[in-house]
Amino acid sequence: TIPLELNMPLLMEGNPEPGKRVKVTLDSYRGTEVYHILYLPTDWEVGEKYPVIVEYAGNGPYNNKYGDTCSGKVEDCNLGYGISGGKGVIWLCLPYISEDHQYNQLQWWGDVQATVDYCKTVVSLICDQYGGDADAVFIAGFSRGSIACNFIGLHNDDIASLWKGFICHSHYDGVKEWNYAGSDRAAAIERLTRLKGRPQFISHEGSVAQTRQYLEENCPNGNFTFQVLPYRNHTSSWVLRDIPERTALREWFQRMLK
């Protein structure tokens, strides 16, 4: 019932430009249907440095009785645009790679190592070619993507070293066991050891109590900020609305940059 304050830019073909949301295929994936989305902020200029938000989408196809939907595609990402408002931040929406390396995986993980390698490659390219600040790269995600912040983002020490901070909305790695290898609590806690005190903004519709308890038990000295959304909707589109919870997330992000 809360109206949108931000409208997502249309997805376009062609070369990246300020204010454009562009579909990109890596040279190593030419001839496949694997792609990601790059958004350069409206104030982007050659030679300047910009923080980077790397975002992962939820599972798809998903819908519920409240009208919330998710296709599982990179096109469904919202967090990076809602946090930045389209300015001052490079926003990447990255795929999970299918087992055969031909498609973007829409449910769960596909080839985890290929997904990790893809992420590292693209982040390096963005920092080299578009002024991404390697010291200010954040990982974000909704639902499956929220779990991915740790499941993918803390997969090993190499990828874990990329991140300045984490933005996890709706679900959290290790709180619940799912139907994939490595979802067990012991594996999740091992990934959590790679966090090494870096900050996480953790939000959930209704309650964050389960995640808070899990982290108090397994990472009591962590740098966690919890945010409850007083809405029933399972969606990342809340960041496109002018609500106090988005203000809190934006303020956290600016503090982390400083």
Protein backbone atom coordinates (compact mmCIF):
# COMPACT_ATOMS: atom_id res chain seq x y z
CA THR A 1 0.00 0.00 0.00
CA ILE A 2 3.03 2.32 0.27
CA PRO A 3 3.70 3.90 -3.14
CA LEU A 4 7.02 3.52 -4.92
CA GLU A 5 9.36 6.47 -4.57
CA LEU A 6 11.96 5.02 -6.96
CA ASN A 7 11.26 3.40 -10.32
CA MET A 8 13.79 0.90 -11.58
CA PRO A 9 15.58 2.03 -14.78
CA LEU A 10 14.70 -0.02 -17.84
CA LEU A 11 17.10 -2.82 -18.72
CA MET A 12 18.98 -1.91 -21.90
CA GLU A 13 21.42 -3.39 -24.38
CA GLY A 14 24.61 -1.62 -25.35
CA ASN A 15 27.62 -0.16 -23.61
CA PRO A 16 27.50 0.93 -19.95
CA GLU A 17 26.79 4.63 -19.45
CA PRO A 18 25.83 6.78 -16.44
CA GLY A 19 22.26 6.11 -15.39
CA LYS A 20 21.88 3.05 -17.63
CA ARG A 21 21.04 -0.47 -16.41
CA VAL A 22 22.83 -2.72 -18.89
CA LYS A 23 22.88 -6.46 -19.54
CA VAL A 24 26.48 -7.72 -19.81
CA THR A 25 27.94 -11.06 -20.94
CA LEU A 26 31.56 -11.88 -20.09
CA ASP A 27 33.80 -12.89 -23.00
CA SER A 28 34.34 -16.27 -21.33
CA TYR A 29 30.56 -16.90 -21.45
CA ARG A 30 29.91 -15.83 -25.05
CA GLY A 31 27.46 -18.23 -26.68
CA THR A 32 25.70 -18.98 -23.39
CA GLU A 33 22.75 -17.37 -21.61
CA VAL A 34 24.85 -16.39 -18.60
CA TYR A 35 24.81 -12.63 -17.95
CA HIS A 36 24.85 -9.98 -15.25
CA ILE A 37 23.56 -6.44 -14.93
CA LEU A 38 25.73 -3.36 -14.47
CA TYR A 39 24.43 0.04 -13.39
CA LEU A 40 26.73 3.06 -13.43
CA PRO A 41 25.43 5.92 -11.25
CA THR A 42 24.07 9.06 -12.83
CA ASP A 43 27.06 11.01 -11.50
CA TRP A 44 29.67 8.55 -12.81
CA GLU A 45 32.80 10.13 -14.32
CA VAL A 46 35.97 8.66 -15.79
CA GLY A 47 38.83 8.69 -13.30
CA GLU A 48 36.68 8.85 -10.17
CA LYS A 49 36.29 6.10 -7.55
CA TYR A 50 32.91 4.67 -6.50
CA PRO A 51 31.78 2.16 -3.90
CA VAL A 52 30.31 -1.02 -5.36
CA ILE A 53 27.25 -3.01 -4.30
CA VAL A 54 27.21 -6.62 -5.55
CA GLU A 55 23.70 -8.05 -5.30
CA TYR A 56 22.21 -11.55 -5.55
CA ALA A 57 18.56 -12.35 -6.26
CA GLY A 58 16.13 -14.62 -4.43
CA ASN A 59 14.83 -17.99 -5.63
CA GLY A 60 12.39 -18.19 -8.48
CA PRO A 61 9.76 -18.67 -9.57
CA TYR A 62 8.19 -17.53 -6.28
CA ASN A 63 4.85 -15.98 -5.40
CA ASN A 64 2.72 -15.76 -2.28
CA LYS A 65 -0.82 -14.85 -1.30
CA TYR A 66 0.13 -11.21 -0.73
CA GLY A 67 1.19 -10.74 -4.34
CA ASP A 68 4.94 -10.86 -3.71
CA THR A 69 6.85 -12.43 -6.61
CA CYS A 70 10.42 -13.27 -7.54
CA SER A 71 11.58 -14.75 -10.84
CA GLY A 72 15.02 -15.69 -9.54
CA LYS A 73 16.58 -13.57 -12.29
CA VAL A 74 19.20 -10.85 -11.86
CA GLU A 75 16.56 -8.42 -13.14
CA ASP A 76 14.66 -8.79 -9.84
CA CYS A 77 17.38 -7.19 -7.71
CA ASN A 78 16.41 -3.95 -5.95
CA LEU A 79 18.62 -3.41 -2.91
CA GLY A 80 21.55 -1.65 -4.56
CA TYR A 81 19.35 0.83 -6.38
CA GLY A 82 17.23 1.54 -3.33
CA ILE A 83 20.28 2.13 -1.14
CA SER A 84 21.96 4.51 -3.58
CA GLY A 85 18.96 6.10 -5.27
CA GLY A 86 20.95 5.68 -8.48
CA LYS A 87 23.77 8.03 -7.45
CA GLY A 88 27.29 7.63 -6.14
CA VAL A 89 27.45 3.82 -6.23
CA ILE A 90 28.21 1.23 -8.92
CA TRP A 91 25.60 -1.52 -8.70
CA LEU A 92 26.16 -5.06 -9.93
CA CYS A 93 23.51 -7.80 -10.06
CA LEU A 94 25.38 -11.09 -10.43
CA PRO A 95 24.11 -14.54 -11.41
CA TYR A 96 24.45 -17.97 -9.93
CA ILE A 97 25.95 -20.18 -12.65
CA SER A 98 24.16 -23.38 -13.69
CA GLU A 99 25.95 -26.72 -13.46
CA ASP A 100 26.47 -26.82 -17.24
CA HIS A 101 27.66 -23.18 -17.29
CA GLN A 102 25.03 -22.29 -19.90
CA TYR A 103 22.41 -20.43 -17.86
CA ASN A 104 21.79 -18.23 -14.86
CA GLN A 105 20.56 -20.55 -12.09
CA LEU A 106 17.08 -19.52 -10.89
CA GLN A 107 16.82 -21.82 -7.86
CA TRP A 108 19.58 -22.26 -5.33
CA TRP A 109 23.19 -22.46 -6.39
CA GLY A 110 24.08 -24.44 -9.51
CA ASP A 111 27.89 -24.61 -9.69
CA VAL A 112 29.04 -22.83 -6.53
CA GLN A 113 32.69 -22.59 -7.52
CA ALA A 114 31.80 -21.18 -10.95
CA THR A 115 29.55 -18.61 -9.23
CA VAL A 116 32.36 -17.63 -6.85
CA ASP A 117 34.84 -17.33 -9.72
CA TYR A 118 32.38 -15.27 -11.77
CA CYS A 119 31.94 -12.86 -8.88
CA LYS A 120 35.67 -12.37 -8.36
CA THR A 121 36.22 -11.83 -12.08
CA VAL A 122 33.47 -9.24 -12.47
CA VAL A 123 34.40 -7.29 -9.32
CA SER A 124 38.00 -7.09 -10.55
CA LEU A 125 36.86 -5.90 -13.99
CA ILE A 126 34.57 -3.24 -12.52
CA CYS A 127 37.33 -1.89 -10.31
CA ASP A 128 39.81 -1.84 -13.21
CA GLN A 129 37.52 -0.50 -15.94
CA TYR A 130 34.88 1.64 -14.22
CA GLY A 131 36.47 3.05 -11.10
CA GLY A 132 35.06 0.65 -8.57
CA ASP A 133 36.75 1.16 -5.22
CA ALA A 134 38.24 -2.20 -4.21
CA ASP A 135 38.24 -1.01 -0.59
CA ALA A 136 34.50 -0.29 -0.62
CA VAL A 137 32.80 -3.35 -2.13
CA PHE A 138 29.61 -4.56 -0.42
CA ILE A 139 27.64 -7.75 -0.98
CA ALA A 140 23.85 -7.68 -0.70
CA GLY A 141 20.96 -10.02 -1.31
CA PHE A 142 17.32 -10.88 -0.70
CA SER A 143 16.04 -14.31 0.44
CA ARG A 144 18.29 -16.81 -1.40
CA GLY A 145 20.51 -13.79 -2.04
CA SER A 146 20.60 -12.98 1.66
CA ILE A 147 21.83 -16.52 2.36
CA ALA A 148 24.29 -16.05 -0.53
CA CYS A 149 25.97 -13.18 1.31
CA ASN A 150 27.64 -15.84 3.45
CA PHE A 151 27.15 -19.00 1.37
CA ILE A 152 28.80 -17.43 -1.69
CA GLY A 153 30.46 -14.36 -0.17
CA LEU A 154 32.26 -16.32 2.56
CA HIS A 155 32.79 -19.48 0.51
CA ASN A 156 36.55 -19.26 0.95
CA ASP A 157 39.13 -16.78 2.20
CA ASP A 158 39.76 -15.43 -1.30
CA ILE A 159 36.23 -14.20 -2.02
CA ALA A 160 35.67 -13.26 1.63
CA SER A 161 38.50 -10.74 1.34
CA LEU A 162 36.54 -8.70 -1.25
CA TRP A 163 33.93 -7.31 1.11
CA LYS A 164 33.76 -4.19 3.24
CA GLY A 165 30.22 -4.99 4.42
CA PHE A 166 27.17 -7.22 3.97
CA ILE A 167 23.46 -6.40 3.51
CA CYS A 168 21.28 -9.45 4.21
CA HIS A 169 17.51 -9.14 3.82
CA SER A 170 15.10 -11.95 4.72
CA HIS A 171 16.80 -15.26 5.71
CA TYR A 172 20.34 -15.91 6.87
CA ASP A 173 22.87 -18.65 6.24
CA GLY A 174 22.81 -21.28 8.99
CA VAL A 175 19.57 -20.31 10.72
CA LYS A 176 17.54 -22.94 8.87
CA GLU A 177 18.61 -26.09 7.05
CA TRP A 178 17.57 -26.20 3.38
CA ASN A 179 17.65 -28.89 0.71
CA TYR A 180 21.18 -28.36 -0.62
CA ALA A 181 24.63 -29.52 0.40
CA GLY A 182 26.32 -27.22 2.89
CA SER A 183 23.17 -25.75 4.40
CA ASP A 184 23.85 -27.48 7.72
CA ARG A 185 24.74 -25.36 10.72
CA ALA A 186 28.29 -26.68 11.07
CA ALA A 187 29.15 -25.65 7.49
CA ALA A 188 27.49 -22.25 7.97
CA ILE A 189 29.45 -21.61 11.17
CA GLU A 190 32.68 -22.44 9.36
CA ARG A 191 31.80 -19.83 6.71
CA LEU A 192 30.97 -17.37 9.47
CA THR A 193 34.53 -17.60 10.80
CA ARG A 194 35.64 -15.83 7.59
CA LEU A 195 33.58 -12.74 8.45
CA LYS A 196 36.34 -11.50 10.78
CA GLY A 197 34.43 -8.63 12.35
CA ARG A 198 33.21 -6.97 9.16
CA PRO A 199 29.79 -5.34 9.48
CA GLN A 200 26.48 -6.84 8.45
CA PHE A 201 23.09 -5.14 8.16
CA ILE A 202 20.50 -7.87 8.73
CA SER A 203 16.81 -7.27 8.12
CA HIS A 204 13.69 -9.42 7.95
CA GLU A 205 9.97 -8.92 7.68
CA GLY A 206 8.25 -9.44 11.02
CA SER A 207 11.16 -10.52 13.20
CA VAL A 208 14.93 -10.96 13.27
CA ALA A 209 14.84 -12.96 16.51
CA GLN A 210 16.00 -16.29 15.08
CA THR A 211 18.95 -14.76 13.29
CA ARG A 212 19.89 -12.66 16.31
CA GLN A 213 19.87 -15.74 18.55
CA TYR A 214 21.92 -17.75 16.05
CA LEU A 215 24.56 -15.05 15.85
CA GLU A 216 24.64 -14.42 19.59
CA GLU A 217 25.41 -18.12 20.02
CA ASN A 218 27.89 -18.53 17.18
CA CYS A 219 29.45 -15.11 16.56
CA PRO A 220 28.94 -13.16 19.82
CA ASN A 221 31.54 -10.50 19.00
CA GLY A 222 30.27 -9.79 15.50
CA ASN A 223 29.44 -6.35 14.11
CA PHE A 224 25.74 -6.81 13.39
CA THR A 225 22.97 -4.27 12.89
CA PHE A 226 19.45 -5.72 13.01
CA GLN A 227 16.39 -4.15 11.41
CA VAL A 228 12.82 -5.45 11.64
CA LEU A 229 10.41 -4.54 8.85
CA PRO A 230 6.85 -4.18 10.20
CA TYR A 231 5.42 -5.57 6.96
CA ARG A 232 4.39 -9.08 5.97
CA ASN A 233 5.78 -8.88 2.45
CA HIS A 234 8.61 -11.18 1.36
CA THR A 235 10.27 -8.83 -1.11
CA SER A 236 13.25 -6.55 -1.63
CA SER A 237 11.12 -3.77 -3.14
CA TRP A 238 10.77 -2.04 0.24
CA VAL A 239 14.01 -0.20 -0.57
CA LEU A 240 12.20 1.54 -3.44
CA ARG A 241 9.82 3.16 -0.94
CA ASP A 242 10.34 6.14 1.34
CA ILE A 243 10.07 4.37 4.69
CA PRO A 244 12.07 4.69 7.95
CA GLU A 245 13.65 1.26 7.49
CA ARG A 246 15.20 2.33 4.20
CA THR A 247 16.51 5.47 5.88
CA ALA A 248 18.14 3.29 8.54
CA LEU A 249 19.79 1.15 5.85
CA ARG A 250 21.04 4.17 3.93
CA GLU A 251 22.47 5.71 7.10
CA TRP A 252 24.21 2.44 7.99
CA PHE A 253 25.72 2.29 4.50
CA GLN A 254 27.07 5.83 4.73
CA ARG A 255 28.58 5.10 8.17
CA MET A 256 30.31 2.05 6.79
CA LEU A 257 31.77 4.07 3.92
CA LYS A 258 33.24 6.56 6.40
